Amino acid sequence: MSKGNFLLGMALGTMVGGALGVLSMTRKGRRWRRDMKRKLEDLQDDVCEFIEKAKDKAADVKDDVIDKINKDVEALKEKVDVSEDYD
């Protein structure tokens, strides 16, 4: 078994064990579960916002790279055209 599979198994086991522990709590646990649900919803919102920002940033970087490549291609075409004039 590889180290990656072992660590994945440990992580999944920890999550499942924690989830089962939370679900089996008494009435006092209801308040904790409600609070945890709110925190998880907030976390989900934060993650979604982060993903949207990352997508926007990636699109900006992609556009910048495309612009630079196009400029380099145009410069190369100009050099080729100039060198053809000397033939």
PDB file of N, CA and C in Angstrom:
ATOM      1  N   MET A   1       0.855  -1.177   0.000  1.00  0.00           N
ATOM      2  CA  MET A   1       0.000   0.000   0.000  1.00  0.00           C
ATOM      3  C   MET A   1       0.896   1.233   0.000  1.00  0.00           C
ATOM      4  N   SER A   2       0.561   2.198  -0.818  1.00  0.00           N
ATOM      5  CA  SER A   2       1.378   3.402  -0.894  1.00  0.00           C
ATOM      6  C   SER A   2       1.072   4.343   0.267  1.00  0.00           C
ATOM      7  N   LYS A   3       2.020   5.224   0.507  1.00  0.00           N
ATOM      8  CA  LYS A   3       1.873   6.184   1.600  1.00  0.00           C
ATOM      9  C   LYS A   3       0.668   7.098   1.375  1.00  0.00           C
ATOM     10  N   GLY A   4       0.429   7.482   0.103  1.00  0.00           N
ATOM     11  CA  GLY A   4      -0.701   8.356  -0.224  1.00  0.00           C
ATOM     12  C   GLY A   4      -2.035   7.704   0.102  1.00  0.00           C
ATOM     13  N   ASN A   5      -2.171   6.401  -0.240  1.00  0.00           N
ATOM     14  CA  ASN A   5      -3.417   5.701   0.057  1.00  0.00           C
ATOM     15  C   ASN A   5      -3.629   5.579   1.559  1.00  0.00           C
ATOM     16  N   PHE A   6      -2.537   5.339   2.287  1.00  0.00           N
ATOM     17  CA  PHE A   6      -2.643   5.229   3.738  1.00  0.00           C
ATOM     18  C   PHE A   6      -3.122   6.537   4.353  1.00  0.00           C
ATOM     19  N   LEU A   7      -2.519   7.645   3.918  1.00  0.00           N
ATOM     20  CA  LEU A   7      -2.906   8.949   4.460  1.00  0.00           C
ATOM     21  C   LEU A   7      -4.337   9.299   4.074  1.00  0.00           C
ATOM     22  N   LEU A   8      -4.739   8.960   2.854  1.00  0.00           N
ATOM     23  CA  LEU A   8      -6.116   9.195   2.436  1.00  0.00           C
ATOM     24  C   LEU A   8      -7.075   8.393   3.301  1.00  0.00           C
ATOM     25  N   GLY A   9      -6.733   7.145   3.565  1.00  0.00           N
ATOM     26  CA  GLY A   9      -7.563   6.300   4.420  1.00  0.00           C
ATOM     27  C   GLY A   9      -7.677   6.848   5.835  1.00  0.00           C
ATOM     28  N   MET A  10      -6.557   7.346   6.353  1.00  0.00           N
ATOM     29  CA  MET A  10      -6.590   7.940   7.698  1.00  0.00           C
ATOM     30  C   MET A  10      -7.470   9.182   7.730  1.00  0.00           C
ATOM     31  N   ALA A  11      -7.349  10.016   6.705  1.00  0.00           N
ATOM     32  CA  ALA A  11      -8.137  11.244   6.662  1.00  0.00           C
ATOM     33  C   ALA A  11      -9.622  10.922   6.572  1.00  0.00           C
ATOM     34  N   LEU A  12      -9.969   9.984   5.690  1.00  0.00           N
ATOM     35  CA  LEU A  12     -11.384   9.613   5.557  1.00  0.00           C
ATOM     36  C   LEU A  12     -11.912   8.986   6.840  1.00  0.00           C
ATOM     37  N   GLY A  13     -11.117   8.131   7.469  1.00  0.00           N
ATOM     38  CA  GLY A  13     -11.525   7.508   8.727  1.00  0.00           C
ATOM     39  C   GLY A  13     -11.757   8.534   9.823  1.00  0.00           C
ATOM     40  N   THR A  14     -10.898   9.532   9.873  1.00  0.00           N
ATOM     41  CA  THR A  14     -11.045  10.596  10.867  1.00  0.00           C
ATOM     42  C   THR A  14     -12.329  11.378  10.636  1.00  0.00           C
ATOM     43  N   MET A  15     -12.603  11.698   9.371  1.00  0.00           N
ATOM     44  CA  MET A  15     -13.829  12.455   9.063  1.00  0.00           C
ATOM     45  C   MET A  15     -15.083  11.635   9.389  1.00  0.00           C
ATOM     46  N   VAL A  16     -15.075  10.381   9.001  1.00  0.00           N
ATOM     47  CA  VAL A  16     -16.247   9.531   9.270  1.00  0.00           C
ATOM     48  C   VAL A  16     -16.436   9.365  10.774  1.00  0.00           C
ATOM     49  N   GLY A  17     -15.355   9.121  11.498  1.00  0.00           N
ATOM     50  CA  GLY A  17     -15.450   8.978  12.954  1.00  0.00           C
ATOM     51  C   GLY A  17     -15.957  10.244  13.620  1.00  0.00           C
ATOM     52  N   GLY A  18     -15.446  11.376  13.173  1.00  0.00           N
ATOM     53  CA  GLY A  18     -15.914  12.654  13.729  1.00  0.00           C
ATOM     54  C   GLY A  18     -17.381  12.891  13.427  1.00  0.00           C
ATOM     55  N   ALA A  19     -17.797  12.576  12.205  1.00  0.00           N
ATOM     56  CA  ALA A  19     -19.201  12.771  11.830  1.00  0.00           C
ATOM     57  C   ALA A  19     -20.105  11.874  12.663  1.00  0.00           C
ATOM     58  N   LEU A  20     -19.708  10.624  12.856  1.00  0.00           N
ATOM     59  CA  LEU A  20     -20.519   9.718  13.673  1.00  0.00           C
ATOM     60  C   LEU A  20     -20.585  10.198  15.120  1.00  0.00           C
ATOM     61  N   GLY A  21     -19.491  10.719  15.633  1.00  0.00           N
ATOM     62  CA  GLY A  21     -19.491  11.249  16.998  1.00  0.00           C
ATOM     63  C   GLY A  21     -20.435  12.426  17.144  1.00  0.00           C
ATOM     64  N   VAL A  22     -20.436  13.315  16.167  1.00  0.00           N
ATOM     65  CA  VAL A  22     -21.313  14.488  16.210  1.00  0.00           C
ATOM     66  C   VAL A  22     -22.772  14.060  16.131  1.00  0.00           C
ATOM     67  N   LEU A  23     -23.069  13.126  15.262  1.00  0.00           N
ATOM     68  CA  LEU A  23     -24.460  12.695  15.075  1.00  0.00           C
ATOM     69  C   LEU A  23     -25.007  11.951  16.292  1.00  0.00           C
ATOM     70  N   SER A  24     -24.146  11.365  17.092  1.00  0.00           N
ATOM     71  CA  SER A  24     -24.617  10.593  18.238  1.00  0.00           C
ATOM     72  C   SER A  24     -24.655  11.406  19.531  1.00  0.00           C
ATOM     73  N   MET A  25     -24.492  12.704  19.474  1.00  0.00           N
ATOM     74  CA  MET A  25     -24.501  13.553  20.676  1.00  0.00           C
ATOM     75  C   MET A  25     -25.916  13.666  21.259  1.00  0.00           C
ATOM     76  N   THR A  26     -25.974  14.043  22.513  1.00  0.00           N
ATOM     77  CA  THR A  26     -27.245  14.232  23.206  1.00  0.00           C
ATOM     78  C   THR A  26     -27.868  15.575  22.835  1.00  0.00           C
ATOM     79  N   ARG A  27     -28.883  15.980  23.586  1.00  0.00           N
ATOM     80  CA  ARG A  27     -29.583  17.240  23.295  1.00  0.00           C
ATOM     81  C   ARG A  27     -28.640  18.444  23.329  1.00  0.00           C
ATOM     82  N   LYS A  28     -27.686  18.437  24.241  1.00  0.00           N
ATOM     83  CA  LYS A  28     -26.732  19.535  24.290  1.00  0.00           C
ATOM     84  C   LYS A  28     -25.967  19.620  22.975  1.00  0.00           C
ATOM     85  N   GLY A  29     -25.848  18.486  22.348  1.00  0.00           N
ATOM     86  CA  GLY A  29     -25.147  18.445  21.075  1.00  0.00           C
ATOM     87  C   GLY A  29     -25.929  19.105  19.956  1.00  0.00           C
ATOM     88  N   ARG A  30     -27.238  19.216  20.119  1.00  0.00           N
ATOM     89  CA  ARG A  30     -28.055  19.861  19.079  1.00  0.00           C
ATOM     90  C   ARG A  30     -27.607  21.302  18.855  1.00  0.00           C
ATOM     91  N   ARG A  31     -27.385  21.991  19.980  1.00  0.00           N
ATOM     92  CA  ARG A  31     -26.932  23.379  19.867  1.00  0.00           C
ATOM     93  C   ARG A  31     -25.574  23.433  19.168  1.00  0.00           C
ATOM     94  N   TRP A  32     -24.689  22.513  19.561  1.00  0.00           N
ATOM     95  CA  TRP A  32     -23.368  22.463  18.945  1.00  0.00           C
ATOM     96  C   TRP A  32     -23.481  22.165  17.452  1.00  0.00           C
ATOM     97  N   ARG A  33     -24.359  21.218  17.085  1.00  0.00           N
ATOM     98  CA  ARG A  33     -24.541  20.881  15.665  1.00  0.00           C
ATOM     99  C   ARG A  33     -25.107  22.060  14.896  1.00  0.00           C
ATOM    100  N   ARG A  34     -26.039  22.806  15.518  1.00  0.00           N
ATOM    101  CA  ARG A  34     -26.603  23.983  14.862  1.00  0.00           C
ATOM    102  C   ARG A  34     -25.526  25.029  14.627  1.00  0.00           C
ATOM    103  N   ASP A  35     -24.707  25.272  15.661  1.00  0.00           N
ATOM    104  CA  ASP A  35     -23.606  26.224  15.527  1.00  0.00           C
ATOM    105  C   ASP A  35     -22.609  25.748  14.471  1.00  0.00           C
ATOM    106  N   MET A  36     -22.318  24.456  14.486  1.00  0.00           N
ATOM    107  CA  MET A  36     -21.376  23.906  13.519  1.00  0.00           C
ATOM    108  C   MET A  36     -21.929  24.033  12.102  1.00  0.00           C
ATOM    109  N   LYS A  37     -23.237  23.818  11.958  1.00  0.00           N
ATOM    110  CA  LYS A  37     -23.863  23.953  10.638  1.00  0.00           C
ATOM    111  C   LYS A  37     -23.705  25.373  10.120  1.00  0.00           C
ATOM    112  N   ARG A  38     -23.931  26.342  10.994  1.00  0.00           N
ATOM    113  CA  ARG A  38     -23.769  27.746  10.586  1.00  0.00           C
ATOM    114  C   ARG A  38     -22.332  28.043  10.182  1.00  0.00           C
ATOM    115  N   LYS A  39     -21.390  27.531  10.973  1.00  0.00           N
ATOM    116  CA  LYS A  39     -19.980  27.762  10.660  1.00  0.00           C
ATOM    117  C   LYS A  39     -19.599  27.101   9.338  1.00  0.00           C
ATOM    118  N   LEU A  40     -20.127  25.912   9.106  1.00  0.00           N
ATOM    119  CA  LEU A  40     -19.831  25.226   7.852  1.00  0.00           C
ATOM    120  C   LEU A  40     -20.448  25.960   6.661  1.00  0.00           C
ATOM    121  N   GLU A  41     -21.642  26.509   6.864  1.00  0.00           N
ATOM    122  CA  GLU A  41     -22.263  27.290   5.786  1.00  0.00           C
ATOM    123  C   GLU A  41     -21.436  28.544   5.490  1.00  0.00           C
ATOM    124  N   ASP A  42     -20.936  29.189   6.546  1.00  0.00           N
ATOM    125  CA  ASP A  42     -20.067  30.356   6.355  1.00  0.00           C
ATOM    126  C   ASP A  42     -18.786  29.960   5.631  1.00  0.00           C
ATOM    127  N   LEU A  43     -18.225  28.824   6.029  1.00  0.00           N
ATOM    128  CA  LEU A  43     -17.017  28.332   5.379  1.00  0.00           C
ATOM    129  C   LEU A  43     -17.275  28.034   3.902  1.00  0.00           C
ATOM    130  N   GLN A  44     -18.418  27.434   3.625  1.00  0.00           N
ATOM    131  CA  GLN A  44     -18.776  27.130   2.240  1.00  0.00           C
ATOM    132  C   GLN A  44     -18.878  28.424   1.421  1.00  0.00           C
ATOM    133  N   ASP A  45     -19.495  29.447   2.002  1.00  0.00           N
ATOM    134  CA  ASP A  45     -19.593  30.738   1.315  1.00  0.00           C
ATOM    135  C   ASP A  45     -18.203  31.319   1.050  1.00  0.00           C
ATOM    136  N   ASP A  46     -17.327  31.233   2.057  1.00  0.00           N
ATOM    137  CA  ASP A  46     -15.968  31.757   1.899  1.00  0.00           C
ATOM    138  C   ASP A  46     -15.207  31.001   0.813  1.00  0.00           C
ATOM    139  N   VAL A  47     -15.363  29.681   0.796  1.00  0.00           N
ATOM    140  CA  VAL A  47     -14.680  28.874  -0.218  1.00  0.00           C
ATOM    141  C   VAL A  47     -15.211  29.211  -1.609  1.00  0.00           C
ATOM    142  N   CYS A  48     -16.516  29.355  -1.743  1.00  0.00           N
ATOM    143  CA  CYS A  48     -17.097  29.710  -3.043  1.00  0.00           C
ATOM    144  C   CYS A  48     -16.591  31.074  -3.507  1.00  0.00           C
ATOM    145  N   GLU A  49     -16.510  32.011  -2.588  1.00  0.00           N
ATOM    146  CA  GLU A  49     -15.999  33.344  -2.926  1.00  0.00           C
ATOM    147  C   GLU A  49     -14.535  33.266  -3.356  1.00  0.00           C
ATOM    148  N   PHE A  50     -13.741  32.474  -2.642  1.00  0.00           N
ATOM    149  CA  PHE A  50     -12.335  32.298  -2.987  1.00  0.00           C
ATOM    150  C   PHE A  50     -12.198  31.672  -4.373  1.00  0.00           C
ATOM    151  N   ILE A  51     -13.021  30.683  -4.665  1.00  0.00           N
ATOM    152  CA  ILE A  51     -12.967  30.018  -5.969  1.00  0.00           C
ATOM    153  C   ILE A  51     -13.313  31.002  -7.077  1.00  0.00           C
ATOM    154  N   GLU A  52     -14.316  31.825  -6.862  1.00  0.00           N
ATOM    155  CA  GLU A  52     -14.688  32.818  -7.877  1.00  0.00           C
ATOM    156  C   GLU A  52     -13.540  33.802  -8.118  1.00  0.00           C
ATOM    157  N   LYS A  53     -12.904  34.246  -7.034  1.00  0.00           N
ATOM    158  CA  LYS A  53     -11.767  35.158  -7.183  1.00  0.00           C
ATOM    159  C   LYS A  53     -10.621  34.477  -7.920  1.00  0.00           C
ATOM    160  N   ALA A  54     -10.387  33.210  -7.607  1.00  0.00           N
ATOM    161  CA  ALA A  54      -9.315  32.463  -8.272  1.00  0.00           C
ATOM    162  C   ALA A  54      -9.615  32.300  -9.759  1.00  0.00           C
ATOM    163  N   LYS A  55     -10.878  32.033 -10.091  1.00  0.00           N
ATOM    164  CA  LYS A  55     -11.263  31.914 -11.500  1.00  0.00           C
ATOM    165  C   LYS A  55     -11.042  33.233 -12.229  1.00  0.00           C
ATOM    166  N   ASP A  56     -11.434  34.326 -11.602  1.00  0.00           N
ATOM    167  CA  ASP A  56     -11.239  35.646 -12.214  1.00  0.00           C
ATOM    168  C   ASP A  56      -9.758  35.933 -12.418  1.00  0.00           C
ATOM    169  N   LYS A  57      -8.946  35.616 -11.414  1.00  0.00           N
ATOM    170  CA  LYS A  57      -7.510  35.847 -11.509  1.00  0.00           C
ATOM    171  C   LYS A  57      -6.905  34.976 -12.613  1.00  0.00           C
ATOM    172  N   ALA A  58      -7.331  33.725 -12.692  1.00  0.00           N
ATOM    173  CA  ALA A  58      -6.823  32.828 -13.725  1.00  0.00           C
ATOM    174  C   ALA A  58      -7.199  33.335 -15.113  1.00  0.00           C
ATOM    175  N   ALA A  59      -8.407  33.844 -15.254  1.00  0.00           N
ATOM    176  CA  ALA A  59      -8.834  34.395 -16.543  1.00  0.00           C
ATOM    177  C   ALA A  59      -7.996  35.620 -16.909  1.00  0.00           C
ATOM    178  N   ASP A  60      -7.695  36.463 -15.926  1.00  0.00           N
ATOM    179  CA  ASP A  60      -6.855  37.635 -16.175  1.00  0.00           C
ATOM    180  C   ASP A  60      -5.449  37.215 -16.608  1.00  0.00           C
ATOM    181  N   VAL A  61      -4.889  36.235 -15.924  1.00  0.00           N
ATOM    182  CA  VAL A  61      -3.549  35.755 -16.261  1.00  0.00           C
ATOM    183  C   VAL A  61      -3.557  35.153 -17.664  1.00  0.00           C
ATOM    184  N   LYS A  62      -4.589  34.380 -17.971  1.00  0.00           N
ATOM    185  CA  LYS A  62      -4.708  33.782 -19.303  1.00  0.00           C
ATOM    186  C   LYS A  62      -4.743  34.868 -20.374  1.00  0.00           C
ATOM    187  N   ASP A  63      -5.538  35.894 -20.147  1.00  0.00           N
ATOM    188  CA  ASP A  63      -5.629  36.993 -21.118  1.00  0.00           C
ATOM    189  C   ASP A  63      -4.285  37.697 -21.277  1.00  0.00           C
ATOM    190  N   ASP A  64      -3.582  37.900 -20.168  1.00  0.00           N
ATOM    191  CA  ASP A  64      -2.266  38.546 -20.235  1.00  0.00           C
ATOM    192  C   ASP A  64      -1.276  37.693 -21.032  1.00  0.00           C
ATOM    193  N   VAL A  65      -1.304  36.394 -20.807  1.00  0.00           N
ATOM    194  CA  VAL A  65      -0.402  35.491 -21.527  1.00  0.00           C
ATOM    195  C   VAL A  65      -0.729  35.498 -23.019  1.00  0.00           C
ATOM    196  N   ILE A  66      -1.995  35.449 -23.354  1.00  0.00           N
ATOM    197  CA  ILE A  66      -2.399  35.469 -24.760  1.00  0.00           C
ATOM    198  C   ILE A  66      -1.954  36.771 -25.420  1.00  0.00           C
ATOM    199  N   ASP A  67      -2.136  37.888 -24.732  1.00  0.00           N
ATOM    200  CA  ASP A  67      -1.700  39.177 -25.279  1.00  0.00           C
ATOM    201  C   ASP A  67      -0.193  39.189 -25.524  1.00  0.00           C
ATOM    202  N   LYS A  68       0.565  38.685 -24.558  1.00  0.00           N
ATOM    203  CA  LYS A  68       2.027  38.659 -24.714  1.00  0.00           C
ATOM    204  C   LYS A  68       2.425  37.754 -25.871  1.00  0.00           C
ATOM    205  N   ILE A  69       1.815  36.610 -25.987  1.00  0.00           N
ATOM    206  CA  ILE A  69       2.137  35.699 -27.089  1.00  0.00           C
ATOM    207  C   ILE A  69       1.814  36.360 -28.426  1.00  0.00           C
ATOM    208  N   ASN A  70       0.665  37.001 -28.509  1.00  0.00           N
ATOM    209  CA  ASN A  70       0.290  37.670 -29.764  1.00  0.00           C
ATOM    210  C   ASN A  70       1.285  38.776 -30.122  1.00  0.00           C
ATOM    211  N   LYS A  71       1.733  39.533 -29.133  1.00  0.00           N
ATOM    212  CA  LYS A  71       2.726  40.578 -29.386  1.00  0.00           C
ATOM    213  C   LYS A  71       4.034  39.970 -29.881  1.00  0.00           C
ATOM    214  N   ASP A  72       4.455  38.866 -29.236  1.00  0.00           N
ATOM    215  CA  ASP A  72       5.687  38.203 -29.648  1.00  0.00           C
ATOM    216  C   ASP A  72       5.566  37.638 -31.058  1.00  0.00           C
ATOM    217  N   VAL A  73       4.408  37.093 -31.394  1.00  0.00           N
ATOM    218  CA  VAL A  73       4.184  36.557 -32.737  1.00  0.00           C
ATOM    219  C   VAL A  73       4.248  37.677 -33.765  1.00  0.00           C
ATOM    220  N   GLU A  74       3.632  38.798 -33.459  1.00  0.00           N
ATOM    221  CA  GLU A  74       3.669  39.934 -34.387  1.00  0.00           C
ATOM    222  C   GLU A  74       5.094  40.444 -34.581  1.00  0.00           C
ATOM    223  N   ALA A  75       5.849  40.522 -33.502  1.00  0.00           N
ATOM    224  CA  ALA A  75       7.237  40.970 -33.594  1.00  0.00           C
ATOM    225  C   ALA A  75       8.051  39.996 -34.434  1.00  0.00           C
ATOM    226  N   LEU A  76       7.819  38.720 -34.265  1.00  0.00           N
ATOM    227  CA  LEU A  76       8.523  37.707 -35.051  1.00  0.00           C
ATOM    228  C   LEU A  76       8.143  37.800 -36.524  1.00  0.00           C
ATOM    229  N   LYS A  77       6.864  38.023 -36.808  1.00  0.00           N
ATOM    230  CA  LYS A  77       6.419  38.181 -38.199  1.00  0.00           C
ATOM    231  C   LYS A  77       7.099  39.376 -38.849  1.00  0.00           C
ATOM    232  N   GLU A  78       7.220  40.464 -38.098  1.00  0.00           N
ATOM    233  CA  GLU A  78       7.880  41.649 -38.630  1.00  0.00           C
ATOM    234  C   GLU A  78       9.345  41.355 -38.947  1.00  0.00           C
ATOM    235  N   LYS A  79      10.019  40.625 -38.081  1.00  0.00           N
ATOM    236  CA  LYS A  79      11.419  40.267 -38.330  1.00  0.00           C
ATOM    237  C   LYS A  79      11.553  39.367 -39.552  1.00  0.00           C
ATOM    238  N   VAL A  80      10.614  38.447 -39.703  1.00  0.00           N
ATOM    239  CA  VAL A  80      10.636  37.564 -40.871  1.00  0.00           C
ATOM    240  C   VAL A  80      10.394  38.384 -42.141  1.00  0.00           C
ATOM    241  N   ASP A  81       9.446  39.303 -42.084  1.00  0.00           N
ATOM    242  CA  ASP A  81       9.173  40.161 -43.258  1.00  0.00           C
ATOM    243  C   ASP A  81      10.384  40.991 -43.624  1.00  0.00           C
ATOM    244  N   VAL A  82      11.071  41.531 -42.650  1.00  0.00           N
ATOM    245  CA  VAL A  82      12.262  42.352 -42.899  1.00  0.00           C
ATOM    246  C   VAL A  82      13.361  41.492 -43.504  1.00  0.00           C
ATOM    247  N   SER A  83      13.544  40.286 -42.986  1.00  0.00           N
ATOM    248  CA  SER A  83      14.614  39.420 -43.505  1.00  0.00           C
ATOM    249  C   SER A  83      14.309  38.955 -44.928  1.00  0.00           C
ATOM    250  N   GLU A  84      13.035  38.837 -45.277  1.00  0.00           N
ATOM    251  CA  GLU A  84      12.665  38.454 -46.631  1.00  0.00           C
ATOM    252  C   GLU A  84      12.980  39.585 -47.619  1.00  0.00           C
ATOM    253  N   ASP A  85      12.963  40.818 -47.144  1.00  0.00           N
ATOM    254  CA  ASP A  85      13.301  41.949 -47.995  1.00  0.00           C
ATOM    255  C   ASP A  85      14.776  41.905 -48.435  1.00  0.00           C
ATOM    256  N   TYR A  86      15.619  41.284 -47.640  1.00  0.00           N
ATOM    257  CA  TYR A  86      17.037  41.206 -47.966  1.00  0.00           C
ATOM    258  C   TYR A  86      17.353  40.062 -48.925  1.00  0.00           C
ATOM    259  N   ASP A  87      16.401  39.209 -49.176  1.00  0.00           N
ATOM    260  CA  ASP A  87      16.637  38.076 -50.094  1.00  0.00           C
ATOM    261  C   ASP A  87      16.662  38.469 -51.513  1.00  0.00           C
TER     262      ASP A  87
END
